[in-house]
Protein backbone atom coordinates (compact mmCIF):
# COMPACT_ATOMS: atom_id res chain seq x y z
CA MET A 1 0.00 0.00 0.00
CA SER A 2 1.32 3.44 -0.91
CA ALA A 3 1.80 6.11 1.72
CA ALA A 4 -1.07 8.08 0.21
CA ALA A 5 -3.39 5.06 0.21
CA ALA A 6 -2.74 4.56 3.92
CA PHE A 7 -4.64 7.81 4.63
CA GLN A 8 -7.41 7.26 2.08
CA ASP A 9 -10.97 6.36 3.01
CA GLN A 10 -10.93 2.78 1.71
CA THR A 11 -14.59 3.00 0.64
CA LEU A 12 -13.53 5.46 -2.08
CA GLN A 13 -11.06 3.11 -3.79
CA ASN A 14 -9.28 5.32 -6.34
CA LEU A 15 -11.00 8.65 -6.90
CA TRP A 16 -9.68 11.88 -8.40
CA LEU A 17 -11.20 15.34 -8.57
CA TYR A 18 -10.01 16.91 -11.83
CA LEU A 19 -9.94 20.68 -12.43
CA PRO A 20 -9.88 21.30 -16.20
CA THR A 21 -9.07 24.65 -17.76
CA ALA A 22 -8.96 25.96 -21.34
CA TYR A 23 -8.80 29.22 -23.26
CA ASP A 24 -12.11 30.27 -24.81
CA LEU A 25 -11.05 29.34 -28.36
CA GLU A 26 -9.94 25.87 -27.22
CA ARG A 27 -12.96 24.88 -25.14
CA GLU A 28 -14.38 22.64 -27.87
CA LEU A 29 -11.06 20.84 -28.20
CA CYS A 30 -10.73 20.52 -24.43
CA ARG A 31 -14.13 18.83 -24.20
CA MET A 32 -13.32 16.56 -27.14
CA GLU A 33 -10.01 15.52 -25.59
CA LEU A 34 -11.71 14.76 -22.28
CA ARG A 35 -14.16 12.51 -24.14
CA ALA A 36 -11.21 10.66 -25.67
CA LEU A 37 -9.29 10.23 -22.40
CA PHE A 38 -12.33 9.40 -20.27
CA SER A 39 -13.69 7.12 -22.93
CA GLU A 40 -16.98 5.80 -21.50
CA GLU A 41 -20.03 7.80 -22.54
CA TRP A 42 -21.58 7.62 -19.07
CA GLU A 43 -18.44 9.37 -17.78
CA TRP A 44 -18.97 12.26 -20.20
CA GLU A 45 -22.51 12.94 -19.14
CA ALA A 46 -21.80 12.64 -15.41
CA ALA A 47 -18.75 14.91 -15.69
CA GLY A 48 -20.34 17.54 -17.91
CA PHE A 49 -18.34 17.27 -21.14
CA GLY A 50 -20.70 15.22 -23.31
CA ARG A 51 -21.52 16.16 -26.88
CA LEU A 52 -23.48 19.40 -27.24
CA ALA A 53 -26.44 20.26 -29.40
CA GLU A 54 -25.70 22.51 -32.37
CA ASN A 55 -25.22 26.18 -31.39
CA ALA A 56 -25.13 25.30 -27.68
CA THR A 57 -22.84 27.37 -25.45
CA VAL A 58 -19.48 25.63 -25.08
CA GLU A 59 -18.40 25.46 -21.45
CA VAL A 60 -15.68 23.47 -19.72
CA PRO A 61 -16.85 21.80 -16.47
CA VAL A 62 -15.55 23.48 -13.33
CA ALA A 63 -14.45 20.10 -11.97
CA PHE A 64 -15.38 16.45 -12.28
CA LEU A 65 -14.84 13.19 -10.42
CA SER A 66 -13.44 10.03 -11.98
CA GLN A 67 -11.94 6.71 -10.97
CA ARG A 68 -9.80 6.83 -14.12
CA ASP A 69 -6.18 7.75 -13.40
CA ILE A 70 -5.06 10.27 -16.04
CA PRO A 71 -1.82 11.93 -14.85
CA VAL A 72 -1.87 15.72 -14.78
CA ASP A 73 1.12 15.93 -17.14
CA ARG A 74 -0.84 14.08 -19.82
CA SER A 75 -3.18 16.78 -21.11
CA PRO A 76 -2.71 20.53 -21.66
CA TYR A 77 -6.21 20.97 -20.20
CA LEU A 78 -5.86 18.89 -17.02
CA ARG A 79 -3.13 20.68 -15.09
CA GLN A 80 -4.26 19.96 -11.55
CA ARG A 81 -6.23 17.37 -9.62
CA ILE A 82 -6.84 16.09 -6.10
CA HIS A 83 -6.33 12.42 -5.26
CA VAL A 84 -9.35 12.18 -2.97
CA TRP A 85 -8.77 10.79 0.52
CA LYS A 86 -12.12 11.75 1.97
CA ARG A 87 -15.42 13.29 0.90
CA ALA A 88 -17.76 14.63 3.56
CA ALA A 89 -20.67 16.97 4.15
CA SER A 90 -18.59 19.69 5.83
CA PRO A 91 -15.03 20.79 6.66
CA GLN A 92 -15.76 19.83 10.28
CA ALA A 93 -16.47 16.26 9.16
CA LEU A 94 -13.13 16.22 7.31
CA SER A 95 -11.34 17.34 10.49
CA ALA A 96 -13.12 14.67 12.53
CA TRP A 97 -12.05 12.01 10.03
CA LEU A 98 -8.40 13.12 10.20
CA VAL A 99 -8.50 12.85 14.00
CA GLU A 100 -10.18 9.46 13.84
CA GLN A 101 -7.55 8.18 11.39
CA LYS A 102 -4.72 9.50 13.60
CA THR A 103 -3.27 10.92 10.41
CA ASP A 104 0.49 11.33 10.84
CA LEU A 105 2.05 13.49 8.12
CA ASP A 106 5.38 15.23 8.56
CA GLY A 107 6.11 18.03 6.10
CA PHE A 108 2.58 18.81 4.91
CA LYS A 109 1.21 21.98 3.37
CA PHE A 110 -2.27 23.04 2.30
CA VAL A 111 -2.47 24.59 -1.18
CA TYR A 112 -4.97 27.35 -1.89
CA LEU A 113 -6.65 26.61 -5.22
CA LYS A 114 -7.97 29.59 -7.16
CA HIS A 115 -10.05 27.94 -9.83
CA PRO A 116 -12.88 29.45 -11.91
CA GLY A 117 -16.25 28.38 -10.56
CA ILE A 118 -14.98 27.18 -7.16
CA ASP A 119 -16.45 29.40 -4.45
CA LEU A 120 -13.86 29.34 -1.67
CA GLN A 121 -12.73 32.70 -0.35
CA TYR A 122 -9.19 33.00 0.97
CA SER A 123 -10.34 33.96 4.48
CA GLU A 124 -12.53 30.84 4.63
CA TRP A 125 -9.68 28.72 3.28
CA ILE A 126 -7.34 30.03 6.02
CA SER A 127 -9.83 29.10 8.72
CA ILE A 128 -10.48 25.61 7.33
CA SER A 129 -6.81 24.84 6.65
CA ARG A 130 -5.97 25.80 10.24
CA SER A 131 -8.66 23.44 11.54
CA LEU A 132 -7.57 20.58 9.29
CA GLY A 133 -3.90 21.17 10.10
CA GLU A 134 -4.60 20.91 13.82
CA ALA A 135 -6.24 17.52 13.18
CA ILE A 136 -3.06 16.13 11.59
CA GLN A 137 -0.36 14.58 13.75
CA GLY A 138 2.75 16.02 12.16
CA THR A 139 4.72 19.16 11.44
CA PRO A 140 3.83 21.40 8.48
CA ASP A 141 6.53 22.56 6.08
CA MET A 142 5.59 25.59 4.02
CA LYS A 143 8.85 25.84 2.02
CA ASN A 144 9.72 22.26 1.08
CA PRO A 145 6.62 20.16 1.71
CA ARG A 146 6.65 16.40 1.28
CA TRP A 147 2.86 16.43 1.08
CA GLU A 148 0.79 19.05 -0.76
CA LEU A 149 -2.82 18.78 0.37
CA ALA A 150 -5.96 20.50 -0.90
CA PHE A 151 -9.64 20.70 -0.07
CA LEU A 152 -12.53 22.03 -2.12
CA PRO A 153 -16.31 22.30 -2.04
CA PHE A 154 -17.92 20.61 -5.04
CA GLN A 155 -21.51 19.60 -5.76
CA GLY A 156 -22.63 20.01 -2.15
CA GLU A 157 -19.74 18.04 -0.63
CA TRP A 158 -16.25 18.78 0.63
CA PHE A 159 -13.26 16.89 -0.77
CA LEU A 160 -9.84 16.45 0.85
CA GLY A 161 -6.78 14.80 -0.62
CA GLN A 162 -3.30 14.99 -2.07
CA TYR A 163 -2.84 17.83 -4.55
CA GLN A 164 -1.10 17.08 -7.85
CA ARG A 165 -0.12 19.73 -10.40
CA SER A 166 1.36 19.53 -13.87
CA ARG A 167 4.96 20.63 -14.37
CA ILE A 168 4.01 21.47 -17.99
CA GLU A 169 7.36 20.17 -19.23
CA TRP A 170 5.87 19.68 -22.70
CA ARG A 171 6.05 23.46 -23.21
CA THR A 172 9.75 23.05 -23.96
CA HIS A 173 8.76 21.23 -27.17
CA SER A 174 8.10 24.66 -28.71
CA LEU A 175 11.81 25.46 -28.41
CA LYS A 176 12.75 23.22 -31.33
CA PRO A 177 15.14 25.08 -33.70
CA MET A 178 13.14 24.50 -36.89
CA ASN A 179 9.58 25.86 -37.02
CA ASN A 180 7.17 27.18 -39.60
CA SER A 181 4.34 29.66 -39.35
CA HIS A 182 1.53 27.15 -39.87
CA SER A 183 2.74 24.50 -37.41
CA LEU A 184 0.30 23.47 -34.71
CA LYS A 185 0.74 25.08 -31.30
CA THR A 186 2.56 22.78 -28.89
CA ALA A 187 -0.51 22.31 -26.68
CA ILE A 188 -2.74 21.58 -29.68
CA ALA A 189 -0.27 19.01 -31.02
CA ARG A 190 -0.24 17.21 -27.68
CA SER A 191 -4.03 17.23 -27.64
CA MET A 192 -4.15 15.77 -31.16
CA VAL A 193 -2.03 12.83 -30.02
CA ASN A 194 -4.26 12.29 -26.99
CA LEU A 195 -7.30 12.24 -29.27
CA ALA A 196 -5.66 9.65 -31.50
CA ILE A 197 -4.56 7.22 -28.80
CA GLY A 198 -7.14 7.77 -26.06
CA PRO A 199 -6.14 6.64 -22.56
CA ASP A 200 -3.84 3.81 -23.77
CA LEU A 201 -0.16 4.84 -23.94
CA THR A 202 0.94 1.44 -25.30
CA LYS A 203 -0.42 2.16 -28.79
CA SER A 204 1.83 2.61 -31.82
CA PHE A 205 1.55 5.99 -33.53
CA VAL A 206 2.42 7.52 -36.90
CA ASP A 207 2.37 10.99 -38.42
CA PRO A 208 2.65 10.19 -42.15
CA CYS A 209 2.98 13.85 -43.23
CA CYS A 210 4.91 15.11 -40.23
CA GLY A 211 6.35 18.41 -41.47
CA VAL A 212 8.98 19.71 -39.03
CA GLY A 213 7.91 17.12 -36.43
CA THR A 214 5.65 19.06 -34.05
CA VAL A 215 3.19 16.18 -33.58
CA VAL A 216 5.97 13.56 -33.59
CA ILE A 217 7.70 15.38 -30.71
CA ALA A 218 4.39 15.58 -28.82
CA ALA A 219 3.95 11.82 -29.22
CA LEU A 220 7.52 11.12 -28.11
CA GLY A 221 6.90 13.30 -25.06
CA LEU A 222 4.05 10.95 -24.11
CA GLY A 223 6.36 7.94 -24.35
CA LEU A 224 4.75 6.41 -27.44
CA ASP A 225 6.19 4.08 -30.05
CA VAL A 226 6.35 6.70 -32.83
CA LYS A 227 7.22 6.99 -36.51
CA GLY A 228 7.11 10.11 -38.67
CA PHE A 229 7.41 10.55 -42.43
CA ASP A 230 7.38 13.40 -44.91
CA ILE A 231 7.69 13.29 -48.68
CA ASN A 232 9.50 16.64 -48.76
CA ARG A 233 13.20 15.94 -48.22
CA LEU A 234 13.99 19.44 -46.90
CA VAL A 235 11.12 19.39 -44.39
CA ALA A 236 11.88 15.84 -43.25
CA CYS A 237 15.51 16.84 -42.66
CA GLN A 238 14.32 19.80 -40.58
CA ALA A 239 12.25 17.39 -38.48
CA MET A 240 15.33 15.18 -38.06
CA ASP A 241 17.34 18.22 -36.94
CA ASN A 242 14.64 19.09 -34.40
CA LEU A 243 14.69 15.59 -32.93
CA LYS A 244 18.47 15.57 -32.70
CA ALA A 245 18.62 19.03 -31.10
CA MET A 246 16.08 18.05 -28.45
CA GLY A 247 17.59 14.67 -27.65
CA TRP A 248 14.87 12.50 -29.15
CA PRO A 249 15.58 9.31 -31.13
CA PRO A 250 15.71 9.58 -34.97
CA VAL A 251 12.18 8.34 -35.69
CA VAL A 252 11.51 10.53 -38.78
CA SER A 253 12.26 9.34 -42.32
CA ILE A 254 11.78 10.69 -45.82
CA GLY A 255 8.77 8.85 -47.17
CA ASP A 256 5.62 9.05 -49.26
CA VAL A 257 2.46 8.15 -47.32
CA HIS A 258 1.24 6.20 -50.36
CA GLN A 259 4.31 3.96 -50.23
CA LEU A 260 4.41 3.20 -46.50
CA GLY A 261 4.37 -0.50 -45.69
CA GLY A 262 3.59 -0.44 -41.97
CA HIS A 263 0.39 -0.37 -39.94
CA TRP A 264 -0.17 1.56 -36.72
CA ASP A 265 -2.76 1.80 -33.98
CA ALA A 266 -3.22 5.55 -34.34
CA ALA A 267 -2.32 8.45 -36.61
CA VAL A 268 -2.66 12.21 -36.91
CA LEU A 269 -2.89 13.66 -40.40
CA ASP A 270 -2.85 17.44 -40.93
CA LEU A 271 -4.30 17.62 -44.44
CA PRO A 272 -2.81 20.02 -47.02
CA TYR A 273 -4.81 23.15 -47.68
CA GLY A 274 -2.88 25.03 -50.36
CA LEU A 275 -1.52 27.87 -48.24
CA PHE A 276 2.05 27.52 -49.55
CA THR A 277 1.82 24.67 -52.07
CA PRO A 278 -1.10 24.15 -54.48
CA VAL A 279 -3.26 21.13 -53.68
CA LYS A 280 -3.80 18.86 -56.67
CA PRO A 281 -7.33 17.67 -57.51
CA GLY A 282 -8.09 14.47 -55.59
CA GLN A 283 -4.98 14.80 -53.38
CA VAL A 284 -6.86 15.19 -50.10
CA GLU A 285 -9.27 12.37 -50.93
CA ALA A 286 -6.33 10.07 -51.74
CA LEU A 287 -4.61 10.90 -48.44
CA ILE A 288 -7.76 10.11 -46.47
CA ARG A 289 -8.22 6.79 -48.28
CA ARG A 290 -4.57 5.92 -47.62
CA ALA A 291 -4.93 6.74 -43.93
CA ARG A 292 -7.70 4.13 -43.77
CA GLN A 293 -5.11 1.52 -44.83
CA ILE A 294 -2.29 2.40 -42.43
CA ALA A 295 -4.00 3.12 -39.09
CA ARG A 296 -6.94 1.89 -37.03
CA ARG A 297 -7.77 5.28 -35.53
CA VAL A 298 -7.02 8.61 -37.22
CA VAL A 299 -7.33 12.28 -36.32
CA PHE A 300 -7.71 14.49 -39.39
CA LEU A 301 -7.18 18.25 -39.34
CA ALA A 302 -8.74 20.14 -42.23
CA PHE A 303 -9.59 23.72 -43.20
CA GLU A 304 -12.98 22.76 -44.64
CA ASP A 305 -15.83 20.42 -43.84
CA LEU A 306 -14.68 17.01 -45.12
CA ARG A 307 -17.29 14.85 -43.42
CA ALA A 308 -18.63 13.41 -46.69
CA VAL A 309 -15.13 12.66 -48.02
CA ILE A 310 -14.08 10.97 -44.78
CA GLU A 311 -17.21 8.83 -44.63
CA ALA A 312 -16.78 7.90 -48.31
CA ALA A 313 -13.38 6.44 -47.35
CA GLU A 314 -15.24 4.07 -44.98
CA PHE A 315 -14.27 5.91 -41.80
CA ARG A 316 -16.74 6.39 -38.98
CA ILE A 317 -16.48 9.86 -37.45
CA VAL A 318 -16.46 9.36 -33.68
CA ASP A 319 -16.11 13.01 -32.69
CA HIS A 320 -15.57 16.45 -34.19
CA CYS A 321 -14.75 19.99 -33.12
CA LEU A 322 -13.45 23.29 -34.46
CA VAL A 323 -10.13 24.87 -33.44
CA THR A 324 -9.51 28.55 -34.16
CA ARG A 325 -6.13 30.23 -34.47
CA GLY A 326 -6.29 33.83 -35.59
CA ARG A 327 -8.40 33.87 -38.76
CA LEU A 328 -7.82 30.18 -39.47
CA VAL A 329 -10.42 27.63 -38.39
CA ARG A 330 -9.53 23.95 -38.44
CA HIS A 331 -11.96 21.05 -38.38
CA VAL A 332 -10.75 18.21 -36.16
CA TYR A 333 -12.20 14.75 -36.89
CA LEU A 334 -11.61 11.67 -34.74
CA CYS A 335 -12.23 8.63 -36.93
CA VAL A 336 -12.17 4.85 -36.68
C-alpha cells in the first residue's frame, strides 16, 4: 500500500477530482479531448463534457470526479487534480475524520486553489486549513513540503486529498530550432495525439505527413512508439534536426504516405490546404483513403468540412470539433 493510500478512506477506492481549464477558443477541443481520455459515454454525461447540441454554449466543467487515473502531465487541459482521501458533508467532518484516522504526516502543506467556478474565499480557506492542520499529527513545512494537500467544495460536498499539479514540461517542445508559421501550437499538437490514442499509452503511432515534427515530438513526449514521415526531403531533414537538437531518437524518415508499408494503432494527419503549395485535384481524398489503410484510428485536421469525403473512405467519425487560431479555423475529426 502506498503512503497516500494509507490515509485514504478505503470505501472510495481510487477517486480523483479533476480541475480542467482551457482558453475560450480551445474549449471545444478541451471537451473533445476529455471525451477521448475518459472514454466511456456515461463518464462524459456525469462529468459535464458530453456532446453538445448545435449552437449550444461551449463550457468546460468546473471540476469532475473520476476513478480513471489520467496523470496531470498528460493533457494541456488537465493541469491539476486532487487524489481524494475523503469526501464529507462539511469541513468539520473532514477534520473529525483526520483525527479518527490519527493521520500522521510530517512536512505537509495546504495549497490554496484559485479555480474558476470554485467558491472558496481566501479567508474561509485560512480558517479551514488551520482546523484541518490541527487535526493532523505532524509538522507542516511551508517551504519544502513532502505532502501538498488540498480541499474544495464541489456539488454540495467537501473533498480532501493529495494535490497534484502539472509541471508542464511539454512546453519546452516549442523550443525546437526549426519551425514554420503554420505548425500546430505545442498544446494543440499534444491534444491531437491524446485524441488519436485515447487513454492507452501502449499504442503505436504515426504521423505520415509530419512536417517539421511538431506532432511527432508531442507523441515522443508521451512515451509512445512513434514513426514520422514526410515526402519533402527538406522538411523531413528539418524534423530530423529538431529531434536531434532536443535529444529525441531519430524516428523521422523521408517517405511518401502512399508507399508506407507499416500499420499503426493511431495516426494524426494534418491535411494540405494550399496555403504555400497548391493542392492537386483528388490529393486530399487520396490521403484520407490511404490513412484508412495504415491506421486503425485517425485524427484528421482540415480547413474545410470534409465529413462526406471521410465517410466515403469508410471511416466512422467518432467526434468532431473546431479549433480557431487567428483567422484560421480547423476542423478536427476523430475517426475509426
